[in-house]
Amino acid sequence: MAMPRSVPVAGRNDDDLLDDYSRTVTRAVEKVSPSVVNLEVSLARPGTRPGDRPGAGRGPGDPGRETRGSGSGFIFTPDGFVLTNSHVVHGAGRIEVALNDGRRLPGTLVGDDPDTDLAVVRIDCGELAPAALGDSDGIRPGQIVIAIGNPYGFQCTVTTGVVSALGRTLRASTGRLIDNIIQTDAALNPGNSGGPLVASDGRVIGVNTAVILPAQGLCFAIAIDTVKFVAGRLIKEGTVHRGILGLAGQNVPLPRRQVRFHRLPVESGVLVVALETGSPAERAGLLTGDVIVGYGGRPVRNIDDLHRLLADLPIGVPTPVQILRRSERAELTVVPEARSSSAVPAR
């Protein structure tokens, strides 16, 4: 029996589809690559005294008191603000920013937030090409993504892949859980940290932050809605003051019948997937499986909503948290604790 022949979709052959894919990636890279930068960072070694010259030795054979690192970033405002990872620039004594057109400029650390592994650097320069920022809500597993960065110093390297999963959780170097992480199989290597993860339309949807070694194809990026919020706080205040509940959460849709029955103002919430021992959330009586739909009298649609409220509302003050537990609606009282962001991330 003869095997049926495959029929091209809408009369198009594989070469046409590959050409379309190639053009899509090329257009996205052309839009974003002028905004991608390489950051060369000098870090003072422990014990260096204020006023020591970077790299100053104490005698013959002294390796100096300075360590160096590098990473990626991207310009996101016309006036020279650059996004990158906190672990790239935390504790930097000197930052040099290399632009895509070859210019090299000194950078000033505006602020960094180790709790989300994000930082903002400022450069003073004209004729900049900022990247356009996308929206986390529109991201879907399986969609094409493009990572651009400077792995091992190879400037503006492009890799492609897909969104493997959404709603992942990673632990920051401070110990805090970073929620709403994008998992992708776009290849990342040391030096990619801080670079943009880009959708097919050329808009940035995440900041590349981590890989799991020796696994292949397990790479992670911080979702752009989290990035927008943190970057805004860093530009305004230089830091992010936030309370913590001590839980790991995941965005989930709510059953329509529960939304109607409880007359909820939201159609999604934050599923509690883990609790830290002795945390404010555990002391308040939250359980894994609860879905948070409100905090401090305000609706919670997703993890970003909860993060914003924890940064906006007072720390150490009893605060109501509205939950769905199985099919019942309940309200608990939690006292958020202050999170110290002073820990130095591992590089």
C-alpha atoms as a PDB file:
ATOM      1  CA  MET A   1       0.000   0.000   0.000  1.00  0.00           C
ATOM      2  CA  ALA A   2       1.432   3.359  -1.019  1.00  0.00           C
ATOM      3  CA  MET A   3       2.087   5.870   1.773  1.00  0.00           C
ATOM      4  CA  PRO A   4       0.152   9.143   1.423  1.00  0.00           C
ATOM      5  CA  ARG A   5       2.252  12.078   0.357  1.00  0.00           C
ATOM      6  CA  SER A   6       2.429  15.132   2.612  1.00  0.00           C
ATOM      7  CA  VAL A   7       0.513  18.076   1.235  1.00  0.00           C
ATOM      8  CA  PRO A   8       2.085  21.546   1.581  1.00  0.00           C
ATOM      9  CA  VAL A   9       0.009  23.900   3.719  1.00  0.00           C
ATOM     10  CA  ALA A  10      -1.899  26.345   1.526  1.00  0.00           C
ATOM     11  CA  GLY A  11       0.252  25.349  -1.422  1.00  0.00           C
ATOM     12  CA  ARG A  12       3.522  26.402   0.261  1.00  0.00           C
ATOM     13  CA  ASN A  13       6.614  24.225   0.440  1.00  0.00           C
ATOM     14  CA  ASP A  14       9.130  23.849   3.273  1.00  0.00           C
ATOM     15  CA  ASP A  15      11.565  26.298   1.689  1.00  0.00           C
ATOM     16  CA  ASP A  16       8.929  29.062   1.775  1.00  0.00           C
ATOM     17  CA  LEU A  17       8.197  28.398   5.441  1.00  0.00           C
ATOM     18  CA  LEU A  18      11.888  28.434   6.347  1.00  0.00           C
ATOM     19  CA  ASP A  19      12.350  31.682   4.438  1.00  0.00           C
ATOM     20  CA  ASP A  20       9.471  33.231   6.409  1.00  0.00           C
ATOM     21  CA  TYR A  21      11.037  32.065   9.662  1.00  0.00           C
ATOM     22  CA  SER A  22      14.408  33.458   8.650  1.00  0.00           C
ATOM     23  CA  ARG A  23      12.932  36.829   7.688  1.00  0.00           C
ATOM     24  CA  THR A  24      11.013  37.013  10.977  1.00  0.00           C
ATOM     25  CA  VAL A  25      14.137  36.405  13.042  1.00  0.00           C
ATOM     26  CA  THR A  26      16.222  38.773  10.925  1.00  0.00           C
ATOM     27  CA  ARG A  27      13.707  41.621  11.281  1.00  0.00           C
ATOM     28  CA  ALA A  28      13.506  41.164  15.050  1.00  0.00           C
ATOM     29  CA  VAL A  29      17.300  41.147  15.390  1.00  0.00           C
ATOM     30  CA  GLU A  30      17.639  44.260  13.231  1.00  0.00           C
ATOM     31  CA  LYS A  31      15.197  46.084  15.516  1.00  0.00           C
ATOM     32  CA  VAL A  32      16.832  45.122  18.803  1.00  0.00           C
ATOM     33  CA  SER A  33      20.550  44.627  18.181  1.00  0.00           C
ATOM     34  CA  PRO A  34      21.387  48.390  18.107  1.00  0.00           C
ATOM     35  CA  SER A  35      20.210  48.578  21.737  1.00  0.00           C
ATOM     36  CA  VAL A  36      22.235  45.590  23.017  1.00  0.00           C
ATOM     37  CA  VAL A  37      25.381  46.450  24.979  1.00  0.00           C
ATOM     38  CA  ASN A  38      28.301  44.641  26.558  1.00  0.00           C
ATOM     39  CA  LEU A  39      29.193  45.543  30.142  1.00  0.00           C
ATOM     40  CA  GLU A  40      32.775  45.170  31.398  1.00  0.00           C
ATOM     41  CA  VAL A  41      32.764  45.339  35.185  1.00  0.00           C
ATOM     42  CA  SER A  42      35.629  45.781  37.662  1.00  0.00           C
ATOM     43  CA  LEU A  43      34.872  44.502  41.153  1.00  0.00           C
ATOM     44  CA  ALA A  44      36.860  45.415  44.230  1.00  0.00           C
ATOM     45  CA  ARG A  45      38.149  42.310  46.013  1.00  0.00           C
ATOM     46  CA  PRO A  46      37.278  41.819  49.684  1.00  0.00           C
ATOM     47  CA  GLY A  47      39.628  43.831  51.867  1.00  0.00           C
ATOM     48  CA  THR A  48      40.248  46.591  49.347  1.00  0.00           C
ATOM     49  CA  ARG A  49      40.415  49.938  51.110  1.00  0.00           C
ATOM     50  CA  PRO A  50      38.508  53.000  49.896  1.00  0.00           C
ATOM     51  CA  GLY A  51      40.813  54.989  47.692  1.00  0.00           C
ATOM     52  CA  ASP A  52      42.855  52.012  46.472  1.00  0.00           C
ATOM     53  CA  ARG A  53      43.500  52.209  42.752  1.00  0.00           C
ATOM     54  CA  PRO A  54      41.699  49.438  40.855  1.00  0.00           C
ATOM     55  CA  GLY A  55      44.209  46.703  40.131  1.00  0.00           C
ATOM     56  CA  ALA A  56      46.880  48.287  42.337  1.00  0.00           C
ATOM     57  CA  GLY A  57      49.363  45.664  43.509  1.00  0.00           C
ATOM     58  CA  ARG A  58      51.415  45.455  46.638  1.00  0.00           C
ATOM     59  CA  GLY A  59      54.600  44.266  45.008  1.00  0.00           C
ATOM     60  CA  PRO A  60      56.090  41.869  42.461  1.00  0.00           C
ATOM     61  CA  GLY A  61      53.811  38.924  41.758  1.00  0.00           C
ATOM     62  CA  ASP A  62      50.810  40.553  43.466  1.00  0.00           C
ATOM     63  CA  PRO A  63      47.776  39.728  41.306  1.00  0.00           C
ATOM     64  CA  GLY A  64      46.118  42.988  42.306  1.00  0.00           C
ATOM     65  CA  ARG A  65      42.956  43.758  44.212  1.00  0.00           C
ATOM     66  CA  GLU A  66      40.510  43.794  41.353  1.00  0.00           C
ATOM     67  CA  THR A  67      38.446  41.106  39.695  1.00  0.00           C
ATOM     68  CA  ARG A  68      36.728  41.548  36.385  1.00  0.00           C
ATOM     69  CA  GLY A  69      33.500  40.300  34.938  1.00  0.00           C
ATOM     70  CA  SER A  70      31.291  40.923  31.966  1.00  0.00           C
ATOM     71  CA  GLY A  71      27.704  40.568  30.899  1.00  0.00           C
ATOM     72  CA  SER A  72      25.054  41.867  28.596  1.00  0.00           C
ATOM     73  CA  GLY A  73      22.388  44.528  28.788  1.00  0.00           C
ATOM     74  CA  PHE A  74      20.165  46.655  26.604  1.00  0.00           C
ATOM     75  CA  ILE A  75      19.217  50.316  26.346  1.00  0.00           C
ATOM     76  CA  PHE A  76      15.537  50.811  27.111  1.00  0.00           C
ATOM     77  CA  THR A  77      15.129  54.616  27.253  1.00  0.00           C
ATOM     78  CA  PRO A  78      16.332  57.344  24.870  1.00  0.00           C
ATOM     79  CA  ASP A  79      18.195  59.099  27.721  1.00  0.00           C
ATOM     80  CA  GLY A  80      20.595  56.227  28.372  1.00  0.00           C
ATOM     81  CA  PHE A  81      19.128  53.859  30.960  1.00  0.00           C
ATOM     82  CA  VAL A  82      20.396  50.294  30.491  1.00  0.00           C
ATOM     83  CA  LEU A  83      18.836  47.123  31.903  1.00  0.00           C
ATOM     84  CA  THR A  84      20.984  44.203  33.014  1.00  0.00           C
ATOM     85  CA  ASN A  85      21.229  41.574  35.771  1.00  0.00           C
ATOM     86  CA  SER A  86      22.085  42.490  39.329  1.00  0.00           C
ATOM     87  CA  HIS A  87      24.677  39.713  39.463  1.00  0.00           C
ATOM     88  CA  VAL A  88      26.524  41.347  36.572  1.00  0.00           C
ATOM     89  CA  VAL A  89      27.054  44.740  38.268  1.00  0.00           C
ATOM     90  CA  HIS A  90      26.460  44.259  42.001  1.00  0.00           C
ATOM     91  CA  GLY A  91      29.391  45.722  43.933  1.00  0.00           C
ATOM     92  CA  ALA A  92      30.982  47.172  40.798  1.00  0.00           C
ATOM     93  CA  GLY A  93      33.823  49.610  41.256  1.00  0.00           C
ATOM     94  CA  ARG A  94      33.846  50.556  37.593  1.00  0.00           C
ATOM     95  CA  ILE A  95      31.502  49.817  34.677  1.00  0.00           C
ATOM     96  CA  GLU A  96      32.362  50.247  31.018  1.00  0.00           C
ATOM     97  CA  VAL A  97      29.573  49.942  28.469  1.00  0.00           C
ATOM     98  CA  ALA A  98      30.365  48.942  24.885  1.00  0.00           C
ATOM     99  CA  LEU A  99      27.671  49.918  22.393  1.00  0.00           C
ATOM    100  CA  ASN A 100      26.820  47.985  19.263  1.00  0.00           C
ATOM    101  CA  ASP A 101      28.346  50.731  17.081  1.00  0.00           C
ATOM    102  CA  GLY A 102      31.745  50.438  18.784  1.00  0.00           C
ATOM    103  CA  ARG A 103      31.522  53.340  21.229  1.00  0.00           C
ATOM    104  CA  ARG A 104      32.757  52.618  24.774  1.00  0.00           C
ATOM    105  CA  LEU A 105      31.351  54.709  27.625  1.00  0.00           C
ATOM    106  CA  PRO A 106      31.571  54.778  31.417  1.00  0.00           C
ATOM    107  CA  GLY A 107      28.434  53.534  33.138  1.00  0.00           C
ATOM    108  CA  THR A 108      26.952  54.578  36.470  1.00  0.00           C
ATOM    109  CA  LEU A 109      25.026  52.093  38.576  1.00  0.00           C
ATOM    110  CA  VAL A 110      21.604  53.659  39.221  1.00  0.00           C
ATOM    111  CA  GLY A 111      20.393  50.800  41.407  1.00  0.00           C
ATOM    112  CA  ASP A 112      20.180  47.032  41.602  1.00  0.00           C
ATOM    113  CA  ASP A 113      17.751  44.571  43.121  1.00  0.00           C
ATOM    114  CA  PRO A 114      19.340  41.196  43.922  1.00  0.00           C
ATOM    115  CA  ASP A 115      15.895  39.865  44.919  1.00  0.00           C
ATOM    116  CA  THR A 116      14.862  39.870  41.248  1.00  0.00           C
ATOM    117  CA  ASP A 117      18.397  39.850  39.779  1.00  0.00           C
ATOM    118  CA  LEU A 118      17.763  43.131  37.950  1.00  0.00           C
ATOM    119  CA  ALA A 119      19.796  46.332  37.748  1.00  0.00           C
ATOM    120  CA  VAL A 120      19.769  49.679  35.926  1.00  0.00           C
ATOM    121  CA  VAL A 121      22.925  51.397  34.642  1.00  0.00           C
ATOM    122  CA  ARG A 122      23.074  54.908  33.172  1.00  0.00           C
ATOM    123  CA  ILE A 123      25.240  56.097  30.291  1.00  0.00           C
ATOM    124  CA  ASP A 124      25.587  59.695  29.124  1.00  0.00           C
ATOM    125  CA  CYS A 125      25.400  59.637  25.360  1.00  0.00           C
ATOM    126  CA  GLY A 126      23.305  60.879  22.482  1.00  0.00           C
ATOM    127  CA  GLU A 127      21.964  59.065  19.425  1.00  0.00           C
ATOM    128  CA  LEU A 128      20.834  55.976  21.293  1.00  0.00           C
ATOM    129  CA  ALA A 129      18.454  53.309  19.999  1.00  0.00           C
ATOM    130  CA  PRO A 130      16.258  52.035  22.855  1.00  0.00           C
ATOM    131  CA  ALA A 131      14.586  48.656  22.606  1.00  0.00           C
ATOM    132  CA  ALA A 132      10.790  48.441  22.623  1.00  0.00           C
ATOM    133  CA  LEU A 133       9.346  46.570  25.614  1.00  0.00           C
ATOM    134  CA  GLY A 134       6.566  44.043  25.167  1.00  0.00           C
ATOM    135  CA  ASP A 135       3.932  42.608  27.498  1.00  0.00           C
ATOM    136  CA  SER A 136       4.151  39.481  29.642  1.00  0.00           C
ATOM    137  CA  ASP A 137       0.432  38.720  29.336  1.00  0.00           C
ATOM    138  CA  GLY A 138       0.735  37.879  25.640  1.00  0.00           C
ATOM    139  CA  ILE A 139       3.478  35.260  26.024  1.00  0.00           C
ATOM    140  CA  ARG A 140       2.509  31.682  25.132  1.00  0.00           C
ATOM    141  CA  PRO A 141       4.420  28.384  25.338  1.00  0.00           C
ATOM    142  CA  GLY A 142       5.714  27.378  21.927  1.00  0.00           C
ATOM    143  CA  GLN A 143       6.129  30.883  20.528  1.00  0.00           C
ATOM    144  CA  ILE A 144       9.407  31.814  18.858  1.00  0.00           C
ATOM    145  CA  VAL A 145      11.896  33.778  20.975  1.00  0.00           C
ATOM    146  CA  ILE A 146      15.316  35.227  20.235  1.00  0.00           C
ATOM    147  CA  ALA A 147      18.124  35.766  22.749  1.00  0.00           C
ATOM    148  CA  ILE A 148      20.771  38.403  22.042  1.00  0.00           C
ATOM    149  CA  GLY A 149      23.875  38.885  24.153  1.00  0.00           C
ATOM    150  CA  ASN A 150      27.629  38.664  24.452  1.00  0.00           C
ATOM    151  CA  PRO A 151      28.553  35.113  25.516  1.00  0.00           C
ATOM    152  CA  TYR A 152      32.249  34.769  26.284  1.00  0.00           C
ATOM    153  CA  GLY A 153      32.744  38.268  24.852  1.00  0.00           C
ATOM    154  CA  PHE A 154      31.391  37.454  21.378  1.00  0.00           C
ATOM    155  CA  GLN A 155      29.395  40.623  20.891  1.00  0.00           C
ATOM    156  CA  CYS A 156      25.771  40.592  19.753  1.00  0.00           C
ATOM    157  CA  THR A 157      25.415  36.815  19.417  1.00  0.00           C
ATOM    158  CA  VAL A 158      21.939  35.664  18.327  1.00  0.00           C
ATOM    159  CA  THR A 159      20.282  32.370  19.316  1.00  0.00           C
ATOM    160  CA  THR A 160      16.696  31.270  18.757  1.00  0.00           C
ATOM    161  CA  GLY A 161      14.255  28.877  20.372  1.00  0.00           C
ATOM    162  CA  VAL A 162      10.782  28.777  21.819  1.00  0.00           C
ATOM    163  CA  VAL A 163       9.092  29.544  25.106  1.00  0.00           C
ATOM    164  CA  SER A 164       9.303  26.169  26.842  1.00  0.00           C
ATOM    165  CA  ALA A 165       7.135  27.036  29.848  1.00  0.00           C
ATOM    166  CA  LEU A 166       5.765  29.934  31.877  1.00  0.00           C
ATOM    167  CA  GLY A 167       5.337  30.547  35.586  1.00  0.00           C
ATOM    168  CA  ARG A 168       8.609  28.941  36.670  1.00  0.00           C
ATOM    169  CA  THR A 169      10.189  29.880  39.997  1.00  0.00           C
ATOM    170  CA  LEU A 170      13.908  30.457  40.612  1.00  0.00           C
ATOM    171  CA  ARG A 171      15.698  31.213  43.864  1.00  0.00           C
ATOM    172  CA  ALA A 172      17.727  34.427  43.777  1.00  0.00           C
ATOM    173  CA  SER A 173      21.170  34.590  45.335  1.00  0.00           C
ATOM    174  CA  THR A 174      19.594  36.418  48.289  1.00  0.00           C
ATOM    175  CA  GLY A 175      17.381  33.393  48.962  1.00  0.00           C
ATOM    176  CA  ARG A 176      14.186  35.050  47.719  1.00  0.00           C
ATOM    177  CA  LEU A 177      12.044  33.174  45.223  1.00  0.00           C
ATOM    178  CA  ILE A 178      11.672  34.938  41.865  1.00  0.00           C
ATOM    179  CA  ASP A 179       8.267  34.125  40.425  1.00  0.00           C
ATOM    180  CA  ASN A 180       6.830  34.269  36.906  1.00  0.00           C
ATOM    181  CA  ILE A 181      10.046  33.175  35.191  1.00  0.00           C
ATOM    182  CA  ILE A 182      10.067  32.321  31.475  1.00  0.00           C
ATOM    183  CA  GLN A 183      11.734  29.033  30.542  1.00  0.00           C
ATOM    184  CA  THR A 184      13.215  28.858  27.039  1.00  0.00           C
ATOM    185  CA  ASP A 185      15.464  26.589  25.010  1.00  0.00           C
ATOM    186  CA  ALA A 186      17.176  29.524  23.246  1.00  0.00           C
ATOM    187  CA  ALA A 187      20.833  28.792  23.981  1.00  0.00           C
ATOM    188  CA  LEU A 188      22.422  30.960  26.688  1.00  0.00           C
ATOM    189  CA  ASN A 189      26.025  30.928  27.883  1.00  0.00           C
ATOM    190  CA  PRO A 190      28.124  32.889  30.395  1.00  0.00           C
ATOM    191  CA  GLY A 191      28.035  36.493  29.229  1.00  0.00           C
ATOM    192  CA  ASN A 192      24.417  36.331  28.034  1.00  0.00           C
ATOM    193  CA  SER A 193      23.220  37.429  31.476  1.00  0.00           C
ATOM    194  CA  GLY A 194      21.273  40.674  31.290  1.00  0.00           C
ATOM    195  CA  GLY A 195      20.601  40.508  27.570  1.00  0.00           C
ATOM    196  CA  PRO A 196      17.126  40.706  26.041  1.00  0.00           C
ATOM    197  CA  LEU A 197      14.791  37.836  25.230  1.00  0.00           C
ATOM    198  CA  VAL A 198      12.852  39.045  22.217  1.00  0.00           C
ATOM    199  CA  ALA A 199       9.545  38.043  20.600  1.00  0.00           C
ATOM    200  CA  SER A 200       9.114  37.714  16.844  1.00  0.00           C
ATOM    201  CA  ASP A 201       7.811  41.305  16.612  1.00  0.00           C
ATOM    202  CA  GLY A 202      11.107  42.663  17.969  1.00  0.00           C
ATOM    203  CA  ARG A 203       9.779  43.592  21.404  1.00  0.00           C
ATOM    204  CA  VAL A 204      11.629  42.548  24.550  1.00  0.00           C
ATOM    205  CA  ILE A 205       9.613  40.109  26.664  1.00  0.00           C
ATOM    206  CA  GLY A 206      12.263  39.125  29.200  1.00  0.00           C
ATOM    207  CA  VAL A 207      15.753  39.611  30.608  1.00  0.00           C
ATOM    208  CA  ASN A 208      17.968  36.523  30.321  1.00  0.00           C
ATOM    209  CA  THR A 209      19.241  35.554  33.742  1.00  0.00           C
ATOM    210  CA  ALA A 210      20.164  31.898  34.273  1.00  0.00           C
ATOM    211  CA  VAL A 211      21.018  28.522  32.823  1.00  0.00           C
ATOM    212  CA  ILE A 212      21.104  25.111  34.463  1.00  0.00           C
ATOM    213  CA  LEU A 213      24.355  23.284  33.818  1.00  0.00           C
ATOM    214  CA  PRO A 214      25.209  20.707  32.567  1.00  0.00           C
ATOM    215  CA  ALA A 215      21.647  20.446  31.214  1.00  0.00           C
ATOM    216  CA  GLN A 216      21.037  21.728  27.684  1.00  0.00           C
ATOM    217  CA  GLY A 217      18.049  23.827  26.691  1.00  0.00           C
ATOM    218  CA  LEU A 218      17.124  24.834  30.269  1.00  0.00           C
ATOM    219  CA  CYS A 219      17.436  28.622  30.228  1.00  0.00           C
ATOM    220  CA  PHE A 220      15.462  31.259  32.086  1.00  0.00           C
ATOM    221  CA  ALA A 221      14.447  34.897  31.733  1.00  0.00           C
ATOM    222  CA  ILE A 222      12.682  37.379  34.001  1.00  0.00           C
ATOM    223  CA  ALA A 223       9.299  38.361  32.555  1.00  0.00           C
ATOM    224  CA  ILE A 224       9.120  41.889  31.201  1.00  0.00           C
ATOM    225  CA  ASP A 225       6.209  43.052  33.403  1.00  0.00           C
ATOM    226  CA  THR A 226       8.337  42.323  36.473  1.00  0.00           C
ATOM    227  CA  VAL A 227      11.231  44.113  34.778  1.00  0.00           C
ATOM    228  CA  LYS A 228       9.173  47.249  34.085  1.00  0.00           C
ATOM    229  CA  PHE A 229       8.060  47.533  37.703  1.00  0.00           C
ATOM    230  CA  VAL A 230      11.511  46.962  39.210  1.00  0.00           C
ATOM    231  CA  ALA A 231      13.262  49.247  36.711  1.00  0.00           C
ATOM    232  CA  GLY A 232      10.817  52.048  37.498  1.00  0.00           C
ATOM    233  CA  ARG A 233      11.543  51.749  41.225  1.00  0.00           C
ATOM    234  CA  LEU A 234      15.290  51.605  40.683  1.00  0.00           C
ATOM    235  CA  ILE A 235      15.260  54.743  38.530  1.00  0.00           C
ATOM    236  CA  LYS A 236      13.102  56.575  41.063  1.00  0.00           C
ATOM    237  CA  GLU A 237      14.619  55.392  44.356  1.00  0.00           C
ATOM    238  CA  GLY A 238      17.742  53.368  43.572  1.00  0.00           C
ATOM    239  CA  THR A 239      16.346  50.346  45.384  1.00  0.00           C
ATOM    240  CA  VAL A 240      13.137  48.367  45.865  1.00  0.00           C
ATOM    241  CA  HIS A 241      11.622  48.329  49.345  1.00  0.00           C
ATOM    242  CA  ARG A 242       9.268  45.402  49.636  1.00  0.00           C
ATOM    243  CA  GLY A 243       7.609  43.167  52.135  1.00  0.00           C
ATOM    244  CA  ILE A 244       7.738  39.411  51.824  1.00  0.00           C
ATOM    245  CA  LEU A 245       5.200  36.704  52.547  1.00  0.00           C
ATOM    246  CA  GLY A 246       7.529  33.736  52.170  1.00  0.00           C
ATOM    247  CA  LEU A 247       5.711  31.776  49.496  1.00  0.00           C
ATOM    248  CA  ALA A 248       6.190  30.650  45.935  1.00  0.00           C
ATOM    249  CA  GLY A 249       3.283  31.333  43.599  1.00  0.00           C
ATOM    250  CA  GLN A 250       2.070  30.616  40.098  1.00  0.00           C
ATOM    251  CA  ASN A 251      -0.490  32.454  37.976  1.00  0.00           C
ATOM    252  CA  VAL A 252      -3.657  30.404  37.415  1.00  0.00           C
ATOM    253  CA  PRO A 253      -7.063  31.063  35.815  1.00  0.00           C
ATOM    254  CA  LEU A 254     -10.091  30.760  38.079  1.00  0.00           C
ATOM    255  CA  PRO A 255     -13.121  28.580  37.314  1.00  0.00           C
ATOM    256  CA  ARG A 256     -15.839  30.815  35.910  1.00  0.00           C
ATOM    257  CA  ARG A 257     -18.420  29.416  38.289  1.00  0.00           C
ATOM    258  CA  GLN A 258     -16.299  30.471  41.285  1.00  0.00           C
ATOM    259  CA  VAL A 259     -15.801  33.936  39.836  1.00  0.00           C
ATOM    260  CA  ARG A 260     -19.565  34.340  39.434  1.00  0.00           C
ATOM    261  CA  PHE A 261     -20.521  32.685  42.729  1.00  0.00           C
ATOM    262  CA  HIS A 262     -18.129  34.778  44.837  1.00  0.00           C
ATOM    263  CA  ARG A 263     -18.555  37.896  42.645  1.00  0.00           C
ATOM    264  CA  LEU A 264     -14.812  38.218  42.288  1.00  0.00           C
ATOM    265  CA  PRO A 265     -13.322  41.257  40.529  1.00  0.00           C
ATOM    266  CA  VAL A 266     -10.636  39.020  38.947  1.00  0.00           C
ATOM    267  CA  GLU A 267     -10.651  35.980  36.673  1.00  0.00           C
ATOM    268  CA  SER A 268      -7.214  34.746  37.726  1.00  0.00           C
ATOM    269  CA  GLY A 269      -5.134  34.602  40.888  1.00  0.00           C
ATOM    270  CA  VAL A 270      -1.898  33.363  42.451  1.00  0.00           C
ATOM    271  CA  LEU A 271      -1.721  29.686  43.376  1.00  0.00           C
ATOM    272  CA  VAL A 272       0.418  29.015  46.463  1.00  0.00           C
ATOM    273  CA  VAL A 273       2.775  26.206  45.414  1.00  0.00           C
ATOM    274  CA  ALA A 274       5.244  26.336  48.338  1.00  0.00           C
ATOM    275  CA  LEU A 275       5.640  27.962  51.758  1.00  0.00           C
ATOM    276  CA  GLU A 276       8.839  28.790  53.604  1.00  0.00           C
ATOM    277  CA  THR A 277       8.997  27.394  57.127  1.00  0.00           C
ATOM    278  CA  GLY A 278       8.212  30.059  59.714  1.00  0.00           C
ATOM    279  CA  SER A 279       7.304  32.606  57.051  1.00  0.00           C
ATOM    280  CA  PRO A 280       4.593  35.268  57.448  1.00  0.00           C
ATOM    281  CA  ALA A 281       2.384  33.304  55.044  1.00  0.00           C
ATOM    282  CA  GLU A 282       2.725  30.098  57.059  1.00  0.00           C
ATOM    283  CA  ARG A 283       2.064  31.908  60.346  1.00  0.00           C
ATOM    284  CA  ALA A 284      -1.042  33.502  58.817  1.00  0.00           C
ATOM    285  CA  GLY A 285      -2.442  30.059  58.024  1.00  0.00           C
ATOM    286  CA  LEU A 286      -1.991  29.946  54.251  1.00  0.00           C
ATOM    287  CA  LEU A 287      -1.710  26.471  52.765  1.00  0.00           C
ATOM    288  CA  THR A 288      -0.306  25.123  49.516  1.00  0.00           C
ATOM    289  CA  GLY A 289      -3.179  24.969  47.063  1.00  0.00           C
ATOM    290  CA  ASP A 290      -4.751  28.237  48.246  1.00  0.00           C
ATOM    291  CA  VAL A 291      -5.328  30.819  45.525  1.00  0.00           C
ATOM    292  CA  ILE A 292      -4.698  34.464  46.453  1.00  0.00           C
ATOM    293  CA  VAL A 293      -7.241  36.793  44.832  1.00  0.00           C
ATOM    294  CA  GLY A 294      -6.804  39.905  46.967  1.00  0.00           C
ATOM    295  CA  TYR A 295      -4.275  41.628  49.213  1.00  0.00           C
ATOM    296  CA  GLY A 296      -4.764  44.711  51.366  1.00  0.00           C
ATOM    297  CA  GLY A 297      -8.258  45.166  49.995  1.00  0.00           C
ATOM    298  CA  ARG A 298      -7.034  45.267  46.397  1.00  0.00           C
ATOM    299  CA  PRO A 299      -7.531  42.605  43.721  1.00  0.00           C
ATOM    300  CA  VAL A 300      -4.688  40.282  42.786  1.00  0.00           C
ATOM    301  CA  ARG A 301      -4.759  38.900  39.232  1.00  0.00           C
ATOM    302  CA  ASN A 302      -1.214  37.624  39.064  1.00  0.00           C
ATOM    303  CA  ILE A 303       2.187  37.535  40.731  1.00  0.00           C
ATOM    304  CA  ASP A 304       3.127  40.980  39.415  1.00  0.00           C
ATOM    305  CA  ASP A 305       0.055  42.469  41.122  1.00  0.00           C
ATOM    306  CA  LEU A 306       1.094  40.851  44.397  1.00  0.00           C
ATOM    307  CA  HIS A 307       4.687  42.093  44.069  1.00  0.00           C
ATOM    308  CA  ARG A 308       3.485  45.645  43.431  1.00  0.00           C
ATOM    309  CA  LEU A 309       1.218  45.574  46.481  1.00  0.00           C
ATOM    310  CA  LEU A 310       4.013  44.190  48.677  1.00  0.00           C
ATOM    311  CA  ALA A 311       6.172  47.107  47.544  1.00  0.00           C
ATOM    312  CA  ASP A 312       3.402  49.709  47.953  1.00  0.00           C
ATOM    313  CA  LEU A 313       1.780  48.720  51.261  1.00  0.00           C
ATOM    314  CA  PRO A 314       3.393  49.120  54.729  1.00  0.00           C
ATOM    315  CA  ILE A 315       5.754  46.449  56.040  1.00  0.00           C
ATOM    316  CA  GLY A 316       5.105  44.951  59.485  1.00  0.00           C
ATOM    317  CA  VAL A 317       1.432  45.950  59.505  1.00  0.00           C
ATOM    318  CA  PRO A 318      -1.359  43.310  59.704  1.00  0.00           C
ATOM    319  CA  THR A 319      -2.838  43.105  56.217  1.00  0.00           C
ATOM    320  CA  PRO A 320      -5.862  41.130  54.974  1.00  0.00           C
ATOM    321  CA  VAL A 321      -5.282  38.548  52.250  1.00  0.00           C
ATOM    322  CA  GLN A 322      -8.264  37.114  50.368  1.00  0.00           C
ATOM    323  CA  ILE A 323      -8.006  33.505  49.217  1.00  0.00           C
ATOM    324  CA  LEU A 324      -9.957  30.726  47.612  1.00  0.00           C
ATOM    325  CA  ARG A 325      -9.507  27.431  49.454  1.00  0.00           C
ATOM    326  CA  ARG A 326     -11.055  24.654  47.424  1.00  0.00           C
ATOM    327  CA  SER A 327     -14.480  26.160  46.640  1.00  0.00           C
ATOM    328  CA  GLU A 328     -14.697  28.474  49.662  1.00  0.00           C
ATOM    329  CA  ARG A 329     -13.663  32.100  49.938  1.00  0.00           C
ATOM    330  CA  ALA A 330     -11.757  33.125  53.062  1.00  0.00           C
ATOM    331  CA  GLU A 331      -9.802  36.039  54.483  1.00  0.00           C
ATOM    332  CA  LEU A 332      -6.651  35.720  56.567  1.00  0.00           C
ATOM    333  CA  THR A 333      -4.417  38.322  58.188  1.00  0.00           C
ATOM    334  CA  VAL A 334      -0.730  38.344  57.350  1.00  0.00           C
ATOM    335  CA  VAL A 335       2.076  40.557  58.656  1.00  0.00           C
ATOM    336  CA  PRO A 336       4.631  41.012  55.851  1.00  0.00           C
ATOM    337  CA  GLU A 337       8.281  41.181  56.844  1.00  0.00           C
ATOM    338  CA  ALA A 338      10.989  43.388  55.411  1.00  0.00           C
ATOM    339  CA  ARG A 339      13.341  41.818  52.902  1.00  0.00           C
ATOM    340  CA  SER A 340      16.968  42.823  53.085  1.00  0.00           C
ATOM    341  CA  SER A 341      18.547  43.105  49.632  1.00  0.00           C
ATOM    342  CA  SER A 342      22.089  43.533  50.887  1.00  0.00           C
ATOM    343  CA  ALA A 343      23.383  40.077  50.045  1.00  0.00           C
ATOM    344  CA  VAL A 344      26.058  39.930  47.375  1.00  0.00           C
ATOM    345  CA  PRO A 345      25.059  37.547  44.569  1.00  0.00           C
ATOM    346  CA  ALA A 346      27.377  34.791  43.445  1.00  0.00           C
ATOM    347  CA  ARG A 347      28.794  35.468  39.997  1.00  0.00           C
END
